Amino acid sequence: KHFLYDSMSSLYDPFLMKDVRKGAERILTAIERGERIVVYG
C-alpha cells in the first residue's frame, strides 16, 4: 500500500536527518541578520 499509494504526506520528518535542524537554524539566523549567503553547487 505504501509503495502504490504513498504521497508527499508520507515523507519522513526532515529533522531526523543529522544536522538538518542545526543547518536550518543557522540559515534562518543569517536571513534575519541580512548576512551574505551563497549556494555552492
PDB file of all heavy atoms in Angstrom:
ATOM      1  N   LYS A   1       0.835  -1.205   0.000  1.00  0.00           N
ATOM      2  CA  LYS A   1       0.000   0.000   0.000  1.00  0.00           C
ATOM      3  C   LYS A   1       0.866   1.249   0.000  1.00  0.00           C
ATOM      4  O   LYS A   1       0.572   2.227  -0.693  1.00  0.00           O
ATOM      5  CB  LYS A   1      -0.931  -0.007   1.214  1.00  0.00           C
ATOM      6  CG  LYS A   1      -2.075  -1.000   1.110  1.00  0.00           C
ATOM      7  CD  LYS A   1      -2.925  -0.987   2.375  1.00  0.00           C
ATOM      8  CE  LYS A   1      -4.045  -2.023   2.295  1.00  0.00           C
ATOM      9  NZ  LYS A   1      -4.833  -2.075   3.552  1.00  0.00           N
ATOM     10  N   HIS A   2       1.936   1.219   0.800  1.00  0.00           N
ATOM     11  CA  HIS A   2       2.851   2.360   0.809  1.00  0.00           C
ATOM     12  C   HIS A   2       3.453   2.571  -0.579  1.00  0.00           C
ATOM     13  O   HIS A   2       3.517   3.705  -1.076  1.00  0.00           O
ATOM     14  CB  HIS A   2       3.970   2.138   1.829  1.00  0.00           C
ATOM     15  CG  HIS A   2       3.566   2.415   3.250  1.00  0.00           C
ATOM     16  ND1 HIS A   2       3.112   3.649   3.665  1.00  0.00           N
ATOM     17  CD2 HIS A   2       3.560   1.626   4.349  1.00  0.00           C
ATOM     18  CE1 HIS A   2       2.835   3.604   4.959  1.00  0.00           C
ATOM     19  NE2 HIS A   2       3.089   2.382   5.397  1.00  0.00           N
ATOM     20  N   PHE A   3       3.894   1.480  -1.186  1.00  0.00           N
ATOM     21  CA  PHE A   3       4.542   1.578  -2.488  1.00  0.00           C
ATOM     22  C   PHE A   3       3.583   2.131  -3.543  1.00  0.00           C
ATOM     23  O   PHE A   3       3.955   2.986  -4.354  1.00  0.00           O
ATOM     24  CB  PHE A   3       5.054   0.210  -2.922  1.00  0.00           C
ATOM     25  CG  PHE A   3       5.887   0.238  -4.175  1.00  0.00           C
ATOM     26  CD1 PHE A   3       7.242   0.478  -4.117  1.00  0.00           C
ATOM     27  CD2 PHE A   3       5.303   0.016  -5.417  1.00  0.00           C
ATOM     28  CE1 PHE A   3       8.012   0.509  -5.275  1.00  0.00           C
ATOM     29  CE2 PHE A   3       6.055   0.041  -6.578  1.00  0.00           C
ATOM     30  CZ  PHE A   3       7.418   0.290  -6.509  1.00  0.00           C
ATOM     31  N   LEU A   4       2.370   1.654  -3.533  1.00  0.00           N
ATOM     32  CA  LEU A   4       1.413   2.033  -4.573  1.00  0.00           C
ATOM     33  C   LEU A   4       0.743   3.378  -4.323  1.00  0.00           C
ATOM     34  O   LEU A   4       0.408   4.090  -5.271  1.00  0.00           O
ATOM     35  CB  LEU A   4       0.335   0.951  -4.712  1.00  0.00           C
ATOM     36  CG  LEU A   4       0.805  -0.432  -5.172  1.00  0.00           C
ATOM     37  CD1 LEU A   4      -0.352  -1.418  -5.133  1.00  0.00           C
ATOM     38  CD2 LEU A   4       1.410  -0.367  -6.569  1.00  0.00           C
ATOM     39  N   TYR A   5       0.554   3.724  -3.049  1.00  0.00           N
ATOM     40  CA  TYR A   5      -0.320   4.862  -2.766  1.00  0.00           C
ATOM     41  C   TYR A   5       0.296   5.956  -1.899  1.00  0.00           C
ATOM     42  O   TYR A   5      -0.383   6.921  -1.557  1.00  0.00           O
ATOM     43  CB  TYR A   5      -1.602   4.363  -2.091  1.00  0.00           C
ATOM     44  CG  TYR A   5      -2.291   3.266  -2.870  1.00  0.00           C
ATOM     45  CD1 TYR A   5      -2.429   1.977  -2.343  1.00  0.00           C
ATOM     46  CD2 TYR A   5      -2.793   3.499  -4.153  1.00  0.00           C
ATOM     47  CE1 TYR A   5      -3.055   0.967  -3.054  1.00  0.00           C
ATOM     48  CE2 TYR A   5      -3.422   2.493  -4.875  1.00  0.00           C
ATOM     49  CZ  TYR A   5      -3.548   1.231  -4.319  1.00  0.00           C
ATOM     50  OH  TYR A   5      -4.165   0.231  -5.027  1.00  0.00           O
ATOM     51  N   ASP A   6       1.579   5.865  -1.516  1.00  0.00           N
ATOM     52  CA  ASP A   6       2.188   6.913  -0.697  1.00  0.00           C
ATOM     53  C   ASP A   6       2.161   8.255  -1.417  1.00  0.00           C
ATOM     54  O   ASP A   6       2.256   8.330  -2.649  1.00  0.00           O
ATOM     55  CB  ASP A   6       3.636   6.555  -0.346  1.00  0.00           C
ATOM     56  CG  ASP A   6       3.742   5.842   0.996  1.00  0.00           C
ATOM     57  OD1 ASP A   6       2.699   5.691   1.659  1.00  0.00           O
ATOM     58  OD2 ASP A   6       4.853   5.439   1.378  1.00  0.00           O
ATOM     59  N   SER A   7       2.062   9.318  -0.633  1.00  0.00           N
ATOM     60  CA  SER A   7       2.048  10.678  -1.174  1.00  0.00           C
ATOM     61  C   SER A   7       3.046  11.529  -0.407  1.00  0.00           C
ATOM     62  O   SER A   7       3.783  11.035   0.449  1.00  0.00           O
ATOM     63  CB  SER A   7       0.641  11.272  -1.056  1.00  0.00           C
ATOM     64  OG  SER A   7       0.301  11.409   0.316  1.00  0.00           O
ATOM     65  N   MET A   8       3.068  12.816  -0.692  1.00  0.00           N
ATOM     66  CA  MET A   8       4.022  13.717  -0.052  1.00  0.00           C
ATOM     67  C   MET A   8       3.865  13.717   1.470  1.00  0.00           C
ATOM     68  O   MET A   8       4.834  13.954   2.194  1.00  0.00           O
ATOM     69  CB  MET A   8       3.851  15.125  -0.599  1.00  0.00           C
ATOM     70  CG  MET A   8       4.273  15.281  -2.058  1.00  0.00           C
ATOM     71  SD  MET A   8       6.044  15.051  -2.306  1.00  0.00           S
ATOM     72  CE  MET A   8       6.670  16.546  -1.573  1.00  0.00           C
ATOM     73  N   SER A   9       2.682  13.459   1.952  1.00  0.00           N
ATOM     74  CA  SER A   9       2.477  13.422   3.400  1.00  0.00           C
ATOM     75  C   SER A   9       3.192  12.241   4.049  1.00  0.00           C
ATOM     76  O   SER A   9       3.301  12.175   5.282  1.00  0.00           O
ATOM     77  CB  SER A   9       0.980  13.358   3.718  1.00  0.00           C
ATOM     78  OG  SER A   9       0.411  12.162   3.195  1.00  0.00           O
ATOM     79  N   SER A  10       3.674  11.313   3.232  1.00  0.00           N
ATOM     80  CA  SER A  10       4.351  10.124   3.761  1.00  0.00           C
ATOM     81  C   SER A  10       5.855  10.339   3.956  1.00  0.00           C
ATOM     82  O   SER A  10       6.545   9.440   4.444  1.00  0.00           O
ATOM     83  CB  SER A  10       4.137   8.940   2.814  1.00  0.00           C
ATOM     84  OG  SER A  10       2.764   8.716   2.553  1.00  0.00           O
ATOM     85  N   LEU A  11       6.375  11.502   3.557  1.00  0.00           N
ATOM     86  CA  LEU A  11       7.801  11.765   3.721  1.00  0.00           C
ATOM     87  C   LEU A  11       8.166  11.769   5.202  1.00  0.00           C
ATOM     88  O   LEU A  11       7.378  12.164   6.056  1.00  0.00           O
ATOM     89  CB  LEU A  11       8.175  13.119   3.099  1.00  0.00           C
ATOM     90  CG  LEU A  11       7.993  13.272   1.584  1.00  0.00           C
ATOM     91  CD1 LEU A  11       8.363  14.687   1.162  1.00  0.00           C
ATOM     92  CD2 LEU A  11       8.831  12.251   0.824  1.00  0.00           C
ATOM     93  N   TYR A  12       9.390  11.348   5.488  1.00  0.00           N
ATOM     94  CA  TYR A  12       9.848  11.322   6.871  1.00  0.00           C
ATOM     95  C   TYR A  12      10.055  12.741   7.410  1.00  0.00           C
ATOM     96  O   TYR A  12      10.217  13.703   6.646  1.00  0.00           O
ATOM     97  CB  TYR A  12      11.158  10.536   6.979  1.00  0.00           C
ATOM     98  CG  TYR A  12      11.032   9.071   6.659  1.00  0.00           C
ATOM     99  CD1 TYR A  12      11.600   8.533   5.510  1.00  0.00           C
ATOM    100  CD2 TYR A  12      10.335   8.220   7.507  1.00  0.00           C
ATOM    101  CE1 TYR A  12      11.482   7.184   5.214  1.00  0.00           C
ATOM    102  CE2 TYR A  12      10.212   6.865   7.217  1.00  0.00           C
ATOM    103  CZ  TYR A  12      10.783   6.357   6.074  1.00  0.00           C
ATOM    104  OH  TYR A  12      10.650   5.021   5.781  1.00  0.00           O
ATOM    105  N   ASP A  13      10.048  12.846   8.719  1.00  0.00           N
ATOM    106  CA  ASP A  13      10.329  14.109   9.396  1.00  0.00           C
ATOM    107  C   ASP A  13      11.738  14.565   9.005  1.00  0.00           C
ATOM    108  O   ASP A  13      12.714  13.854   9.229  1.00  0.00           O
ATOM    109  CB  ASP A  13      10.253  13.885  10.912  1.00  0.00           C
ATOM    110  CG  ASP A  13      10.524  15.145  11.716  1.00  0.00           C
ATOM    111  OD1 ASP A  13      10.931  16.165  11.122  1.00  0.00           O
ATOM    112  OD2 ASP A  13      10.344  15.097  12.949  1.00  0.00           O
ATOM    113  N   PRO A  14      11.874  15.751   8.389  1.00  0.00           N
ATOM    114  CA  PRO A  14      13.203  16.178   7.928  1.00  0.00           C
ATOM    115  C   PRO A  14      14.214  16.307   9.061  1.00  0.00           C
ATOM    116  O   PRO A  14      15.421  16.177   8.843  1.00  0.00           O
ATOM    117  CB  PRO A  14      12.931  17.527   7.268  1.00  0.00           C
ATOM    118  CG  PRO A  14      11.662  18.017   7.876  1.00  0.00           C
ATOM    119  CD  PRO A  14      10.849  16.779   8.119  1.00  0.00           C
ATOM    120  N   PHE A  15      13.730  16.542  10.290  1.00  0.00           N
ATOM    121  CA  PHE A  15      14.646  16.752  11.406  1.00  0.00           C
ATOM    122  C   PHE A  15      15.282  15.443  11.895  1.00  0.00           C
ATOM    123  O   PHE A  15      16.139  15.459  12.778  1.00  0.00           O
ATOM    124  CB  PHE A  15      13.929  17.470  12.546  1.00  0.00           C
ATOM    125  CG  PHE A  15      13.462  18.849  12.149  1.00  0.00           C
ATOM    126  CD1 PHE A  15      12.104  19.098  11.924  1.00  0.00           C
ATOM    127  CD2 PHE A  15      14.366  19.876  11.970  1.00  0.00           C
ATOM    128  CE1 PHE A  15      11.674  20.357  11.536  1.00  0.00           C
ATOM    129  CE2 PHE A  15      13.939  21.142  11.588  1.00  0.00           C
ATOM    130  CZ  PHE A  15      12.591  21.385  11.367  1.00  0.00           C
ATOM    131  N   LEU A  16      14.862  14.307  11.286  1.00  0.00           N
ATOM    132  CA  LEU A  16      15.544  13.053  11.575  1.00  0.00           C
ATOM    133  C   LEU A  16      16.923  13.008  10.927  1.00  0.00           C
ATOM    134  O   LEU A  16      17.782  12.239  11.348  1.00  0.00           O
ATOM    135  CB  LEU A  16      14.713  11.866  11.081  1.00  0.00           C
ATOM    136  CG  LEU A  16      13.417  11.560  11.836  1.00  0.00           C
ATOM    137  CD1 LEU A  16      12.642  10.462  11.112  1.00  0.00           C
ATOM    138  CD2 LEU A  16      13.712  11.147  13.270  1.00  0.00           C
ATOM    139  N   MET A  17      17.115  13.846   9.906  1.00  0.00           N
ATOM    140  CA  MET A  17      18.396  13.841   9.215  1.00  0.00           C
ATOM    141  C   MET A  17      19.419  14.621  10.035  1.00  0.00           C
ATOM    142  O   MET A  17      19.164  15.751  10.461  1.00  0.00           O
ATOM    143  CB  MET A  17      18.265  14.431   7.806  1.00  0.00           C
ATOM    144  CG  MET A  17      19.485  14.159   6.922  1.00  0.00           C
ATOM    145  SD  MET A  17      19.256  14.641   5.197  1.00  0.00           S
ATOM    146  CE  MET A  17      18.038  13.440   4.642  1.00  0.00           C
ATOM    147  N   LYS A  18      20.551  14.024  10.232  1.00  0.00           N
ATOM    148  CA  LYS A  18      21.595  14.619  11.060  1.00  0.00           C
ATOM    149  C   LYS A  18      21.945  16.034  10.590  1.00  0.00           C
ATOM    150  O   LYS A  18      22.166  16.271   9.406  1.00  0.00           O
ATOM    151  CB  LYS A  18      22.852  13.752  11.037  1.00  0.00           C
ATOM    152  CG  LYS A  18      23.969  14.277  11.922  1.00  0.00           C
ATOM    153  CD  LYS A  18      25.235  13.439  11.798  1.00  0.00           C
ATOM    154  CE  LYS A  18      26.345  14.028  12.652  1.00  0.00           C
ATOM    155  NZ  LYS A  18      27.608  13.293  12.498  1.00  0.00           N
ATOM    156  N   ASP A  19      21.999  16.960  11.533  1.00  0.00           N
ATOM    157  CA  ASP A  19      22.430  18.354  11.329  1.00  0.00           C
ATOM    158  C   ASP A  19      21.444  19.212  10.554  1.00  0.00           C
ATOM    159  O   ASP A  19      21.737  20.391  10.292  1.00  0.00           O
ATOM    160  CB  ASP A  19      23.799  18.410  10.639  1.00  0.00           C
ATOM    161  CG  ASP A  19      24.956  18.231  11.627  1.00  0.00           C
ATOM    162  OD1 ASP A  19      24.688  18.009  12.829  1.00  0.00           O
ATOM    163  OD2 ASP A  19      26.118  18.318  11.200  1.00  0.00           O
ATOM    164  N   VAL A  20      20.291  18.666  10.166  1.00  0.00           N
ATOM    165  CA  VAL A  20      19.325  19.483   9.432  1.00  0.00           C
ATOM    166  C   VAL A  20      18.843  20.649  10.291  1.00  0.00           C
ATOM    167  O   VAL A  20      18.792  21.797   9.840  1.00  0.00           O
ATOM    168  CB  VAL A  20      18.136  18.633   8.942  1.00  0.00           C
ATOM    169  CG1 VAL A  20      16.920  19.512   8.688  1.00  0.00           C
ATOM    170  CG2 VAL A  20      18.499  17.922   7.646  1.00  0.00           C
ATOM    171  N   ARG A  21      18.473  20.376  11.533  1.00  0.00           N
ATOM    172  CA  ARG A  21      17.987  21.458  12.390  1.00  0.00           C
ATOM    173  C   ARG A  21      19.087  22.509  12.603  1.00  0.00           C
ATOM    174  O   ARG A  21      18.829  23.712  12.519  1.00  0.00           O
ATOM    175  CB  ARG A  21      17.518  20.915  13.741  1.00  0.00           C
ATOM    176  CG  ARG A  21      16.940  21.988  14.664  1.00  0.00           C
ATOM    177  CD  ARG A  21      16.436  21.407  15.968  1.00  0.00           C
ATOM    178  NE  ARG A  21      15.304  20.523  15.763  1.00  0.00           N
ATOM    179  CZ  ARG A  21      14.042  20.952  15.671  1.00  0.00           C
ATOM    180  NH1 ARG A  21      13.757  22.249  15.749  1.00  0.00           N
ATOM    181  NH2 ARG A  21      13.063  20.076  15.493  1.00  0.00           N
ATOM    182  N   LYS A  22      20.295  22.047  12.878  1.00  0.00           N
ATOM    183  CA  LYS A  22      21.404  22.973  13.119  1.00  0.00           C
ATOM    184  C   LYS A  22      21.653  23.846  11.892  1.00  0.00           C
ATOM    185  O   LYS A  22      21.823  25.064  11.995  1.00  0.00           O
ATOM    186  CB  LYS A  22      22.663  22.184  13.475  1.00  0.00           C
ATOM    187  CG  LYS A  22      23.858  23.047  13.835  1.00  0.00           C
ATOM    188  CD  LYS A  22      25.065  22.169  14.184  1.00  0.00           C
ATOM    189  CE  LYS A  22      26.276  23.030  14.550  1.00  0.00           C
ATOM    190  NZ  LYS A  22      27.469  22.190  14.836  1.00  0.00           N
ATOM    191  N   GLY A  23      21.669  23.215  10.717  1.00  0.00           N
ATOM    192  CA  GLY A  23      21.894  23.970   9.490  1.00  0.00           C
ATOM    193  C   GLY A  23      20.762  24.930   9.185  1.00  0.00           C
ATOM    194  O   GLY A  23      20.998  26.084   8.804  1.00  0.00           O
ATOM    195  N   ALA A  24      19.521  24.463   9.354  1.00  0.00           N
ATOM    196  CA  ALA A  24      18.363  25.316   9.057  1.00  0.00           C
ATOM    197  C   ALA A  24      18.311  26.515   9.998  1.00  0.00           C
ATOM    198  O   ALA A  24      18.019  27.656   9.571  1.00  0.00           O
ATOM    199  CB  ALA A  24      17.084  24.496   9.165  1.00  0.00           C
ATOM    200  N   GLU A  25      18.580  26.301  11.264  1.00  0.00           N
ATOM    201  CA  GLU A  25      18.558  27.414  12.220  1.00  0.00           C
ATOM    202  C   GLU A  25      19.629  28.444  11.888  1.00  0.00           C
ATOM    203  O   GLU A  25      19.402  29.656  12.000  1.00  0.00           O
ATOM    204  CB  GLU A  25      18.738  26.879  13.639  1.00  0.00           C
ATOM    205  CG  GLU A  25      17.511  26.124  14.151  1.00  0.00           C
ATOM    206  CD  GLU A  25      17.726  25.511  15.526  1.00  0.00           C
ATOM    207  OE1 GLU A  25      18.909  25.434  15.964  1.00  0.00           O
ATOM    208  OE2 GLU A  25      16.737  25.093  16.154  1.00  0.00           O
ATOM    209  N   ARG A  26      20.814  27.990  11.468  1.00  0.00           N
ATOM    210  CA  ARG A  26      21.878  28.934  11.099  1.00  0.00           C
ATOM    211  C   ARG A  26      21.475  29.743   9.880  1.00  0.00           C
ATOM    212  O   ARG A  26      21.738  30.959   9.800  1.00  0.00           O
ATOM    213  CB  ARG A  26      23.172  28.166  10.802  1.00  0.00           C
ATOM    214  CG  ARG A  26      24.333  29.073  10.343  1.00  0.00           C
ATOM    215  CD  ARG A  26      24.746  30.032  11.439  1.00  0.00           C
ATOM    216  NE  ARG A  26      25.774  30.966  10.998  1.00  0.00           N
ATOM    217  CZ  ARG A  26      25.534  32.177  10.500  1.00  0.00           C
ATOM    218  NH1 ARG A  26      24.271  32.616  10.353  1.00  0.00           N
ATOM    219  NH2 ARG A  26      26.522  32.973  10.143  1.00  0.00           N
ATOM    220  N   ILE A  27      20.825  29.104   8.919  1.00  0.00           N
ATOM    221  CA  ILE A  27      20.398  29.818   7.708  1.00  0.00           C
ATOM    222  C   ILE A  27      19.343  30.865   8.046  1.00  0.00           C
ATOM    223  O   ILE A  27      19.394  32.013   7.562  1.00  0.00           O
ATOM    224  CB  ILE A  27      19.870  28.817   6.661  1.00  0.00           C
ATOM    225  CG1 ILE A  27      21.017  27.933   6.149  1.00  0.00           C
ATOM    226  CG2 ILE A  27      19.203  29.538   5.500  1.00  0.00           C
ATOM    227  CD1 ILE A  27      20.566  26.741   5.345  1.00  0.00           C
ATOM    228  N   LEU A  28      18.376  30.511   8.884  1.00  0.00           N
ATOM    229  CA  LEU A  28      17.333  31.470   9.263  1.00  0.00           C
ATOM    230  C   LEU A  28      17.931  32.655  10.017  1.00  0.00           C
ATOM    231  O   LEU A  28      17.507  33.799   9.839  1.00  0.00           O
ATOM    232  CB  LEU A  28      16.265  30.775  10.100  1.00  0.00           C
ATOM    233  CG  LEU A  28      15.388  29.766   9.344  1.00  0.00           C
ATOM    234  CD1 LEU A  28      14.432  29.070  10.301  1.00  0.00           C
ATOM    235  CD2 LEU A  28      14.604  30.453   8.227  1.00  0.00           C
ATOM    236  N   THR A  29      18.929  32.391  10.839  1.00  0.00           N
ATOM    237  CA  THR A  29      19.612  33.489  11.540  1.00  0.00           C
ATOM    238  C   THR A  29      20.303  34.401  10.540  1.00  0.00           C
ATOM    239  O   THR A  29      20.264  35.637  10.668  1.00  0.00           O
ATOM    240  CB  THR A  29      20.645  32.921  12.537  1.00  0.00           C
ATOM    241  OG1 THR A  29      19.970  32.130  13.502  1.00  0.00           O
ATOM    242  CG2 THR A  29      21.407  34.040  13.239  1.00  0.00           C
ATOM    243  N   ALA A  30      20.938  33.803   9.536  1.00  0.00           N
ATOM    244  CA  ALA A  30      21.610  34.596   8.513  1.00  0.00           C
ATOM    245  C   ALA A  30      20.619  35.459   7.741  1.00  0.00           C
ATOM    246  O   ALA A  30      20.917  36.619   7.407  1.00  0.00           O
ATOM    247  CB  ALA A  30      22.359  33.666   7.556  1.00  0.00           C
ATOM    248  N   ILE A  31      19.448  34.908   7.468  1.00  0.00           N
ATOM    249  CA  ILE A  31      18.421  35.685   6.765  1.00  0.00           C
ATOM    250  C   ILE A  31      17.968  36.858   7.626  1.00  0.00           C
ATOM    251  O   ILE A  31      17.841  37.998   7.146  1.00  0.00           O
ATOM    252  CB  ILE A  31      17.232  34.779   6.385  1.00  0.00           C
ATOM    253  CG1 ILE A  31      17.669  33.718   5.357  1.00  0.00           C
ATOM    254  CG2 ILE A  31      16.080  35.613   5.827  1.00  0.00           C
ATOM    255  CD1 ILE A  31      16.607  32.683   5.044  1.00  0.00           C
ATOM    256  N   GLU A  32      17.736  36.606   8.894  1.00  0.00           N
ATOM    257  CA  GLU A  32      17.306  37.669   9.807  1.00  0.00           C
ATOM    258  C   GLU A  32      18.343  38.780   9.908  1.00  0.00           C
ATOM    259  O   GLU A  32      18.010  39.967   9.991  1.00  0.00           O
ATOM    260  CB  GLU A  32      17.043  37.083  11.193  1.00  0.00           C
ATOM    261  CG  GLU A  32      15.832  36.158  11.257  1.00  0.00           C
ATOM    262  CD  GLU A  32      15.741  35.440  12.593  1.00  0.00           C
ATOM    263  OE1 GLU A  32      16.575  35.717  13.483  1.00  0.00           O
ATOM    264  OE2 GLU A  32      14.841  34.587  12.737  1.00  0.00           O
ATOM    265  N   ARG A  33      19.623  38.423   9.909  1.00  0.00           N
ATOM    266  CA  ARG A  33      20.698  39.409  10.046  1.00  0.00           C
ATOM    267  C   ARG A  33      21.089  40.054   8.720  1.00  0.00           C
ATOM    268  O   ARG A  33      21.905  40.978   8.690  1.00  0.00           O
ATOM    269  CB  ARG A  33      21.935  38.734  10.640  1.00  0.00           C
ATOM    270  CG  ARG A  33      21.764  38.237  12.069  1.00  0.00           C
ATOM    271  CD  ARG A  33      23.000  37.473  12.492  1.00  0.00           C
ATOM    272  NE  ARG A  33      22.907  36.993  13.881  1.00  0.00           N
ATOM    273  CZ  ARG A  33      23.793  36.175  14.443  1.00  0.00           C
ATOM    274  NH1 ARG A  33      24.836  35.741  13.734  1.00  0.00           N
ATOM    275  NH2 ARG A  33      23.650  35.792  15.696  1.00  0.00           N
ATOM    276  N   GLY A  34      20.550  39.554   7.624  1.00  0.00           N
ATOM    277  CA  GLY A  34      20.914  40.091   6.315  1.00  0.00           C
ATOM    278  C   GLY A  34      22.318  39.696   5.886  1.00  0.00           C
ATOM    279  O   GLY A  34      22.975  40.410   5.121  1.00  0.00           O
ATOM    280  N   GLU A  35      22.787  38.541   6.362  1.00  0.00           N
ATOM    281  CA  GLU A  35      24.126  38.082   6.019  1.00  0.00           C
ATOM    282  C   GLU A  35      24.172  37.565   4.577  1.00  0.00           C
ATOM    283  O   GLU A  35      23.158  37.178   4.007  1.00  0.00           O
ATOM    284  CB  GLU A  35      24.569  36.974   6.987  1.00  0.00           C
ATOM    285  CG  GLU A  35      24.739  37.454   8.420  1.00  0.00           C
ATOM    286  CD  GLU A  35      25.097  36.330   9.376  1.00  0.00           C
ATOM    287  OE1 GLU A  35      24.748  35.158   9.093  1.00  0.00           O
ATOM    288  OE2 GLU A  35      25.721  36.626  10.404  1.00  0.00           O
ATOM    289  N   ARG A  36      25.370  37.569   4.041  1.00  0.00           N
ATOM    290  CA  ARG A  36      25.548  37.094   2.662  1.00  0.00           C
ATOM    291  C   ARG A  36      25.562  35.563   2.659  1.00  0.00           C
ATOM    292  O   ARG A  36      26.375  34.925   3.334  1.00  0.00           O
ATOM    293  CB  ARG A  36      26.849  37.640   2.074  1.00  0.00           C
ATOM    294  CG  ARG A  36      27.181  37.103   0.674  1.00  0.00           C
ATOM    295  CD  ARG A  36      28.385  37.838   0.091  1.00  0.00           C
ATOM    296  NE  ARG A  36      28.941  37.165  -1.053  1.00  0.00           N
ATOM    297  CZ  ARG A  36      28.445  37.188  -2.302  1.00  0.00           C
ATOM    298  NH1 ARG A  36      27.343  37.891  -2.533  1.00  0.00           N
ATOM    299  NH2 ARG A  36      29.032  36.552  -3.291  1.00  0.00           N
ATOM    300  N   ILE A  37      24.648  34.957   1.864  1.00  0.00           N
ATOM    301  CA  ILE A  37      24.534  33.504   1.727  1.00  0.00           C
ATOM    302  C   ILE A  37      24.814  33.122   0.279  1.00  0.00           C
ATOM    303  O   ILE A  37      24.248  33.718  -0.647  1.00  0.00           O
ATOM    304  CB  ILE A  37      23.129  33.007   2.119  1.00  0.00           C
ATOM    305  CG1 ILE A  37      22.752  33.475   3.532  1.00  0.00           C
ATOM    306  CG2 ILE A  37      23.040  31.490   2.012  1.00  0.00           C
ATOM    307  CD1 ILE A  37      21.322  33.158   3.907  1.00  0.00           C
ATOM    308  N   VAL A  38      25.671  32.140   0.089  1.00  0.00           N
ATOM    309  CA  VAL A  38      25.976  31.653  -1.258  1.00  0.00           C
ATOM    310  C   VAL A  38      25.689  30.153  -1.330  1.00  0.00           C
ATOM    311  O   VAL A  38      26.119  29.386  -0.464  1.00  0.00           O
ATOM    312  CB  VAL A  38      27.447  31.915  -1.638  1.00  0.00           C
ATOM    313  CG1 VAL A  38      27.781  31.262  -2.980  1.00  0.00           C
ATOM    314  CG2 VAL A  38      27.717  33.413  -1.717  1.00  0.00           C
ATOM    315  N   VAL A  39      24.949  29.754  -2.358  1.00  0.00           N
ATOM    316  CA  VAL A  39      24.694  28.336  -2.630  1.00  0.00           C
ATOM    317  C   VAL A  39      25.783  27.856  -3.581  1.00  0.00           C
ATOM    318  O   VAL A  39      25.941  28.390  -4.685  1.00  0.00           O
ATOM    319  CB  VAL A  39      23.306  28.118  -3.257  1.00  0.00           C
ATOM    320  CG1 VAL A  39      23.037  26.633  -3.456  1.00  0.00           C
ATOM    321  CG2 VAL A  39      22.224  28.756  -2.401  1.00  0.00           C
ATOM    322  N   TYR A  40      26.551  26.867  -3.153  1.00  0.00           N
ATOM    323  CA  TYR A  40      27.677  26.356  -3.942  1.00  0.00           C
ATOM    324  C   TYR A  40      27.257  25.008  -4.532  1.00  0.00           C
ATOM    325  O   TYR A  40      27.103  24.029  -3.819  1.00  0.00           O
ATOM    326  CB  TYR A  40      28.905  26.180  -3.049  1.00  0.00           C
ATOM    327  CG  TYR A  40      30.210  25.944  -3.774  1.00  0.00           C
ATOM    328  CD1 TYR A  40      31.238  26.873  -3.718  1.00  0.00           C
ATOM    329  CD2 TYR A  40      30.423  24.771  -4.501  1.00  0.00           C
ATOM    330  CE1 TYR A  40      32.456  26.652  -4.371  1.00  0.00           C
ATOM    331  CE2 TYR A  40      31.615  24.540  -5.159  1.00  0.00           C
ATOM    332  CZ  TYR A  40      32.629  25.492  -5.089  1.00  0.00           C
ATOM    333  OH  TYR A  40      33.822  25.268  -5.743  1.00  0.00           O
ATOM    334  N   GLY A  41      27.090  24.964  -5.850  1.00  0.00           N
ATOM    335  CA  GLY A  41      26.525  23.778  -6.486  1.00  0.00           C
ATOM    336  C   GLY A  41      27.500  22.978  -7.319  1.00  0.00           C
ATOM    337  O   GLY A  41      28.718  23.101  -7.196  1.00  0.00           O
TER     338      GLY A  41
END
